[in-house]
C-alpha atoms as a PDB file:
ATOM      1  CA  MET A   1     127.619 105.896  90.972  1.00  0.00           C
ATOM      2  CA  ALA A   2     126.057 109.320  90.495  1.00  0.00           C
ATOM      3  CA  ARG A   3     122.662 108.046  90.375  1.00  0.00           C
ATOM      4  CA  ARG A   4     123.009 106.362  93.624  1.00  0.00           C
ATOM      5  CA  TRP A   5     124.684 109.913  94.826  1.00  0.00           C
ATOM      6  CA  ARG A   6     121.350 111.741  93.969  1.00  0.00           C
ATOM      7  CA  LEU A   7     118.941 108.767  95.294  1.00  0.00           C
ATOM      8  CA  ALA A   8     120.667 109.086  98.316  1.00  0.00           C
ATOM      9  CA  VAL A   9     120.138 113.264  98.721  1.00  0.00           C
ATOM     10  CA  LEU A  10     116.582 113.030  97.915  1.00  0.00           C
ATOM     11  CA  ALA A  11     116.179 109.794 100.747  1.00  0.00           C
ATOM     12  CA  LEU A  12     117.849 112.456 102.930  1.00  0.00           C
ATOM     13  CA  LEU A  13     115.835 115.571 102.248  1.00  0.00           C
ATOM     14  CA  PHE A  14     112.134 113.282 102.490  1.00  0.00           C
ATOM     15  CA  ALA A  15     113.880 111.468 105.689  1.00  0.00           C
ATOM     16  CA  SER A  16     114.709 114.804 107.485  1.00  0.00           C
ATOM     17  CA  SER A  17     112.244 115.523 110.637  1.00  0.00           C
ATOM     18  CA  ALA A  18     109.810 118.686 109.723  1.00  0.00           C
ATOM     19  CA  GLU A  19     111.192 120.135 113.078  1.00  0.00           C
ATOM     20  CA  ALA A  20     114.545 120.665 110.936  1.00  0.00           C
ATOM     21  CA  PHE A  21     113.076 123.211 108.704  1.00  0.00           C
ATOM     22  CA  GLU A  22     110.998 126.386 109.532  1.00  0.00           C
ATOM     23  CA  PRO A  23     107.283 125.706 109.071  1.00  0.00           C
ATOM     24  CA  LEU A  24     106.134 128.079 105.852  1.00  0.00           C
ATOM     25  CA  PRO A  25     103.249 130.055 105.487  1.00  0.00           C
ATOM     26  CA  ARG A  26     100.199 127.844 104.261  1.00  0.00           C
ATOM     27  CA  GLY A  27      98.119 129.050 101.580  1.00  0.00           C
ATOM     28  CA  ILE A  28      97.419 129.992  97.749  1.00  0.00           C
ATOM     29  CA  ALA A  29     100.861 129.508  96.193  1.00  0.00           C
ATOM     30  CA  ALA A  30     101.430 131.353  92.597  1.00  0.00           C
ATOM     31  CA  GLY A  31     104.470 132.310  90.483  1.00  0.00           C
ATOM     32  CA  ALA A  32     105.543 133.135  87.032  1.00  0.00           C
ATOM     33  CA  GLU A  33     108.989 133.270  85.256  1.00  0.00           C
ATOM     34  CA  ALA A  34     110.762 133.506  82.323  1.00  0.00           C
ATOM     35  CA  GLY A  35     113.772 132.430  80.713  1.00  0.00           C
ATOM     36  CA  VAL A  36     115.826 130.584  78.220  1.00  0.00           C
ATOM     37  CA  VAL A  37     115.155 127.630  77.190  1.00  0.00           C
ATOM     38  CA  PHE A  38     117.107 125.234  75.215  1.00  0.00           C
ATOM     39  CA  MET A  39     115.036 122.665  72.898  1.00  0.00           C
ATOM     40  CA  ARG A  40     115.924 119.316  71.705  1.00  0.00           C
ATOM     41  CA  PRO A  41     116.771 116.525  69.933  1.00  0.00           C
ATOM     42  CA  GLY A  42     119.413 117.113  67.835  1.00  0.00           C
ATOM     43  CA  PRO A  43     122.068 119.788  67.992  1.00  0.00           C
ATOM     44  CA  GLY A  44     120.818 122.611  65.463  1.00  0.00           C
ATOM     45  CA  LEU A  45     117.859 124.266  67.347  1.00  0.00           C
ATOM     46  CA  PRO A  46     119.520 127.745  68.688  1.00  0.00           C
ATOM     47  CA  PRO A  47     118.043 128.532  72.316  1.00  0.00           C
ATOM     48  CA  GLY A  48     115.094 130.302  73.093  1.00  0.00           C
ATOM     49  CA  ALA A  49     112.495 132.279  75.239  1.00  0.00           C
ATOM     50  CA  GLY A  50     110.321 130.439  77.598  1.00  0.00           C
ATOM     51  CA  TRP A  51     107.726 131.190  80.298  1.00  0.00           C
ATOM     52  CA  ARG A  52     106.135 129.146  83.046  1.00  0.00           C
ATOM     53  CA  VAL A  53     103.194 129.966  85.343  1.00  0.00           C
ATOM     54  CA  ARG A  54     101.997 128.186  88.121  1.00  0.00           C
ATOM     55  CA  ILE A  55      99.243 128.352  91.224  1.00  0.00           C
ATOM     56  CA  GLY A  56      98.573 125.244  93.898  1.00  0.00           C
ATOM     57  CA  TYR A  57      98.301 125.411  97.492  1.00  0.00           C
ATOM     58  CA  GLN A  58     101.366 125.579 100.213  1.00  0.00           C
ATOM     59  CA  PHE A  59     101.398 123.394 103.434  1.00  0.00           C
ATOM     60  CA  ALA A  60     103.212 124.590 106.280  1.00  0.00           C
ATOM     61  CA  SER A  61     105.492 121.430 105.769  1.00  0.00           C
ATOM     62  CA  GLY A  62     106.621 122.952 102.183  1.00  0.00           C
ATOM     63  CA  ILE A  63     104.844 120.796 100.090  1.00  0.00           C
ATOM     64  CA  THR A  64     102.889 122.483  97.286  1.00  0.00           C
ATOM     65  CA  LEU A  65     100.264 120.599  95.026  1.00  0.00           C
ATOM     66  CA  GLU A  66     100.191 122.801  91.944  1.00  0.00           C
ATOM     67  CA  ALA A  67      99.737 123.044  88.416  1.00  0.00           C
ATOM     68  CA  VAL A  68     101.663 124.458  85.970  1.00  0.00           C
ATOM     69  CA  GLY A  69     101.636 125.964  82.163  1.00  0.00           C
ATOM     70  CA  SER A  70     104.531 127.044  80.107  1.00  0.00           C
ATOM     71  CA  GLY A  71     105.328 127.208  77.013  1.00  0.00           C
ATOM     72  CA  ALA A  72     108.812 128.369  74.775  1.00  0.00           C
ATOM     73  CA  SER A  73     110.098 128.457  71.607  1.00  0.00           C
ATOM     74  CA  SER A  74     113.425 127.657  70.046  1.00  0.00           C
ATOM     75  CA  GLY A  75     115.419 130.060  67.735  1.00  0.00           C
ATOM     76  CA  SER A  76     115.087 130.110  63.952  1.00  0.00           C
ATOM     77  CA  VAL A  77     116.310 127.551  61.942  1.00  0.00           C
ATOM     78  CA  GLU A  78     115.790 128.471  58.127  1.00  0.00           C
ATOM     79  CA  GLY A  79     112.741 130.455  58.941  1.00  0.00           C
ATOM     80  CA  SER A  80     110.557 127.911  61.185  1.00  0.00           C
ATOM     81  CA  GLN A  81     110.763 127.275  64.765  1.00  0.00           C
ATOM     82  CA  ALA A  82     110.249 124.608  67.252  1.00  0.00           C
ATOM     83  CA  ARG A  83     107.636 125.387  70.150  1.00  0.00           C
ATOM     84  CA  GLN A  84     105.870 123.746  72.957  1.00  0.00           C
ATOM     85  CA  ARG A  85     102.869 124.607  75.324  1.00  0.00           C
ATOM     86  CA  SER A  86     102.273 122.326  78.306  1.00  0.00           C
ATOM     87  CA  LEU A  87      99.975 121.716  81.401  1.00  0.00           C
ATOM     88  CA  LEU A  88     101.154 119.782  83.954  1.00  0.00           C
ATOM     89  CA  TYR A  89     100.554 118.962  87.629  1.00  0.00           C
ATOM     90  CA  GLY A  90     102.287 117.765  90.373  1.00  0.00           C
ATOM     91  CA  ALA A  91     103.938 118.761  93.851  1.00  0.00           C
ATOM     92  CA  ARG A  92     106.855 120.910  94.769  1.00  0.00           C
ATOM     93  CA  TRP A  93     108.839 120.728  97.900  1.00  0.00           C
ATOM     94  CA  THR A  94     110.369 123.636  99.510  1.00  0.00           C
ATOM     95  CA  ALA A  95     112.622 123.594 102.347  1.00  0.00           C
ATOM     96  CA  GLY A  96     111.821 126.534 104.973  1.00  0.00           C
ATOM     97  CA  LEU A  97     115.515 127.444 105.406  1.00  0.00           C
ATOM     98  CA  GLY A  98     114.623 131.340 106.751  1.00  0.00           C
ATOM     99  CA  ARG A  99     114.970 134.074 103.855  1.00  0.00           C
ATOM    100  CA  TRP A 100     116.730 131.298 101.540  1.00  0.00           C
ATOM    101  CA  ARG A 101     114.030 128.600 100.223  1.00  0.00           C
ATOM    102  CA  PRO A 102     115.614 125.772  98.021  1.00  0.00           C
ATOM    103  CA  TRP A 103     113.118 123.519  96.513  1.00  0.00           C
ATOM    104  CA  ILE A 104     112.622 120.812  94.030  1.00  0.00           C
ATOM    105  CA  ALA A 105     109.550 119.500  91.975  1.00  0.00           C
ATOM    106  CA  THR A 106     108.280 116.879  89.709  1.00  0.00           C
ATOM    107  CA  HIS A 107     105.129 116.979  87.006  1.00  0.00           C
ATOM    108  CA  LEU A 108     103.166 114.786  85.079  1.00  0.00           C
ATOM    109  CA  GLY A 109     100.606 116.207  82.249  1.00  0.00           C
ATOM    110  CA  MET A 110     100.403 116.781  78.541  1.00  0.00           C
ATOM    111  CA  ALA A 111     102.091 118.425  76.044  1.00  0.00           C
ATOM    112  CA  ARG A 112     101.486 120.206  72.793  1.00  0.00           C
ATOM    113  CA  VAL A 113     104.834 120.373  70.704  1.00  0.00           C
ATOM    114  CA  ARG A 114     105.379 122.317  67.116  1.00  0.00           C
ATOM    115  CA  TRP A 115     108.451 121.140  65.371  1.00  0.00           C
ATOM    116  CA  PRO A 116     110.064 122.341  62.264  1.00  0.00           C
ATOM    117  CA  ASN A 117     110.847 120.277  58.931  1.00  0.00           C
ATOM    118  CA  SER A 118     113.651 118.309  58.895  1.00  0.00           C
ATOM    119  CA  GLY A 119     114.405 119.403  55.321  1.00  0.00           C
ATOM    120  CA  PRO A 120     115.115 117.442  52.095  1.00  0.00           C
ATOM    121  CA  GLY A 121     116.637 113.993  52.484  1.00  0.00           C
ATOM    122  CA  PRO A 122     116.027 110.551  53.584  1.00  0.00           C
ATOM    123  CA  GLY A 123     113.149 110.218  55.989  1.00  0.00           C
ATOM    124  CA  ALA A 124     112.344 113.982  56.108  1.00  0.00           C
ATOM    125  CA  LEU A 125     108.834 114.852  57.131  1.00  0.00           C
ATOM    126  CA  PRO A 126     106.963 116.763  54.568  1.00  0.00           C
ATOM    127  CA  ALA A 127     106.044 120.120  55.949  1.00  0.00           C
ATOM    128  CA  THR A 128     106.058 121.009  60.180  1.00  0.00           C
ATOM    129  CA  GLY A 129     104.269 118.810  62.246  1.00  0.00           C
ATOM    130  CA  THR A 130     102.447 119.553  65.364  1.00  0.00           C
ATOM    131  CA  THR A 131     101.472 116.994  67.692  1.00  0.00           C
ATOM    132  CA  THR A 132     100.214 116.361  71.268  1.00  0.00           C
ATOM    133  CA  GLY A 133     101.509 113.557  74.108  1.00  0.00           C
ATOM    134  CA  ALA A 134     101.968 113.056  77.837  1.00  0.00           C
ATOM    135  CA  ALA A 135     104.747 114.739  79.384  1.00  0.00           C
ATOM    136  CA  PHE A 136     106.943 114.743  83.036  1.00  0.00           C
ATOM    137  CA  GLY A 137     109.044 117.326  84.368  1.00  0.00           C
ATOM    138  CA  ALA A 138     111.359 117.935  86.663  1.00  0.00           C
ATOM    139  CA  ALA A 139     112.604 121.235  88.410  1.00  0.00           C
ATOM    140  CA  GLY A 140     114.718 122.688  91.003  1.00  0.00           C
ATOM    141  CA  GLY A 141     115.606 126.005  92.355  1.00  0.00           C
ATOM    142  CA  LEU A 142     115.651 128.642  94.943  1.00  0.00           C
ATOM    143  CA  ASP A 143     113.047 131.273  96.151  1.00  0.00           C
ATOM    144  CA  VAL A 144     114.730 134.010  98.044  1.00  0.00           C
ATOM    145  CA  GLN A 145     111.898 136.174 100.356  1.00  0.00           C
ATOM    146  CA  LEU A 146     111.802 139.610  99.720  1.00  0.00           C
ATOM    147  CA  VAL A 147     109.023 140.738 101.885  1.00  0.00           C
ATOM    148  CA  GLY A 148     105.776 138.834 102.870  1.00  0.00           C
ATOM    149  CA  GLY A 149     104.885 135.986 101.256  1.00  0.00           C
ATOM    150  CA  LEU A 150     106.589 137.799  98.130  1.00  0.00           C
ATOM    151  CA  SER A 151     110.112 135.843  96.889  1.00  0.00           C
ATOM    152  CA  LEU A 152     112.290 136.416  93.814  1.00  0.00           C
ATOM    153  CA  ALA A 153     112.817 132.779  92.066  1.00  0.00           C
ATOM    154  CA  ALA A 154     115.511 131.140  90.342  1.00  0.00           C
ATOM    155  CA  CYS A 155     115.368 127.971  88.555  1.00  0.00           C
ATOM    156  CA  GLY A 156     116.093 125.074  86.099  1.00  0.00           C
ATOM    157  CA  GLY A 157     114.120 122.686  84.992  1.00  0.00           C
ATOM    158  CA  TYR A 158     113.836 119.713  82.452  1.00  0.00           C
ATOM    159  CA  THR A 159     110.598 118.444  80.609  1.00  0.00           C
ATOM    160  CA  ARG A 160     110.596 115.213  78.103  1.00  0.00           C
ATOM    161  CA  THR A 161     107.656 114.275  76.169  1.00  0.00           C
ATOM    162  CA  THR A 162     106.668 111.132  74.522  1.00  0.00           C
ATOM    163  CA  VAL A 163     105.749 112.769  71.156  1.00  0.00           C
ATOM    164  CA  LYS A 164     108.583 111.831  68.709  1.00  0.00           C
ATOM    165  CA  VAL A 165     109.820 114.470  66.656  1.00  0.00           C
ATOM    166  CA  PRO A 166     112.779 113.967  63.512  1.00  0.00           C
ATOM    167  CA  ALA A 167     115.943 114.981  64.395  1.00  0.00           C
ATOM    168  CA  LEU A 168     116.900 118.060  62.286  1.00  0.00           C
ATOM    169  CA  GLU A 169     119.682 116.134  60.430  1.00  0.00           C
ATOM    170  CA  GLY A 170     116.855 113.819  58.715  1.00  0.00           C
ATOM    171  CA  PHE A 171     118.029 110.370  57.860  1.00  0.00           C
ATOM    172  CA  GLY A 172     114.539 109.088  59.262  1.00  0.00           C
ATOM    173  CA  GLN A 173     115.470 109.337  62.576  1.00  0.00           C
ATOM    174  CA  PHE A 174     112.898 110.621  65.398  1.00  0.00           C
ATOM    175  CA  PHE A 175     113.354 111.413  69.270  1.00  0.00           C
ATOM    176  CA  PRO A 176     111.139 112.103  72.060  1.00  0.00           C
ATOM    177  CA  ALA A 177     110.912 116.225  72.301  1.00  0.00           C
ATOM    178  CA  SER A 178     112.234 117.700  75.228  1.00  0.00           C
ATOM    179  CA  TRP A 179     113.507 120.896  76.427  1.00  0.00           C
ATOM    180  CA  THR A 180     115.805 122.299  79.496  1.00  0.00           C
ATOM    181  CA  ASP A 181     114.577 125.478  80.852  1.00  0.00           C
ATOM    182  CA  LEU A 182     116.723 128.525  82.969  1.00  0.00           C
ATOM    183  CA  SER A 183     114.757 130.852  84.197  1.00  0.00           C
ATOM    184  CA  ALA A 184     113.545 133.836  87.138  1.00  0.00           C
ATOM    185  CA  GLY A 185     110.747 135.078  88.198  1.00  0.00           C
ATOM    186  CA  LEU A 186     108.499 136.151  91.437  1.00  0.00           C
ATOM    187  CA  SER A 187     106.655 133.788  93.796  1.00  0.00           C
ATOM    188  CA  LEU A 188     103.800 134.429  96.150  1.00  0.00           C
ATOM    189  CA  VAL A 189     102.257 132.551  98.870  1.00  0.00           C
ATOM    190  CA  PHE A 190      98.508 134.456 100.298  1.00  0.00           C
END
């Protein structure tokens, strides 16, 4: 039921006529955000810090084709941390609603993940591993226009990789690495 509801909302947003929203300024769109990141799989990793930078071209319709670079690290677990760096390409759609500009985005690309050892026990890895794989992300947020093309941005996002990492509990279980972030920063269209 929830899935149908989300699909209906997305269909409504994309089916709405362009005249329903104010045209946005066209040009180079850039942004930078920082915030808190929750890395997974499994419990045991405390929240950590993360950052995101993006650059692309925004069309008057609100569609922005962009590249997004991000990085994050978890809090420390027995002296080690999980870390990620990613470079994703995709699109962002911003609704032109005056000063308040909600947006959604989706991206595909590559991520490099460094995950801590799962500790002694059955199926434990011998050491911390670093590996690279495909990644996809989805995000949404709100830009509040301050002056001209400068906006304050608040967002939440989810990124998942094809990279399999061990659960911190061990037992030979491996899961795709993923992280959820909550961040704030600045956006600029020039």
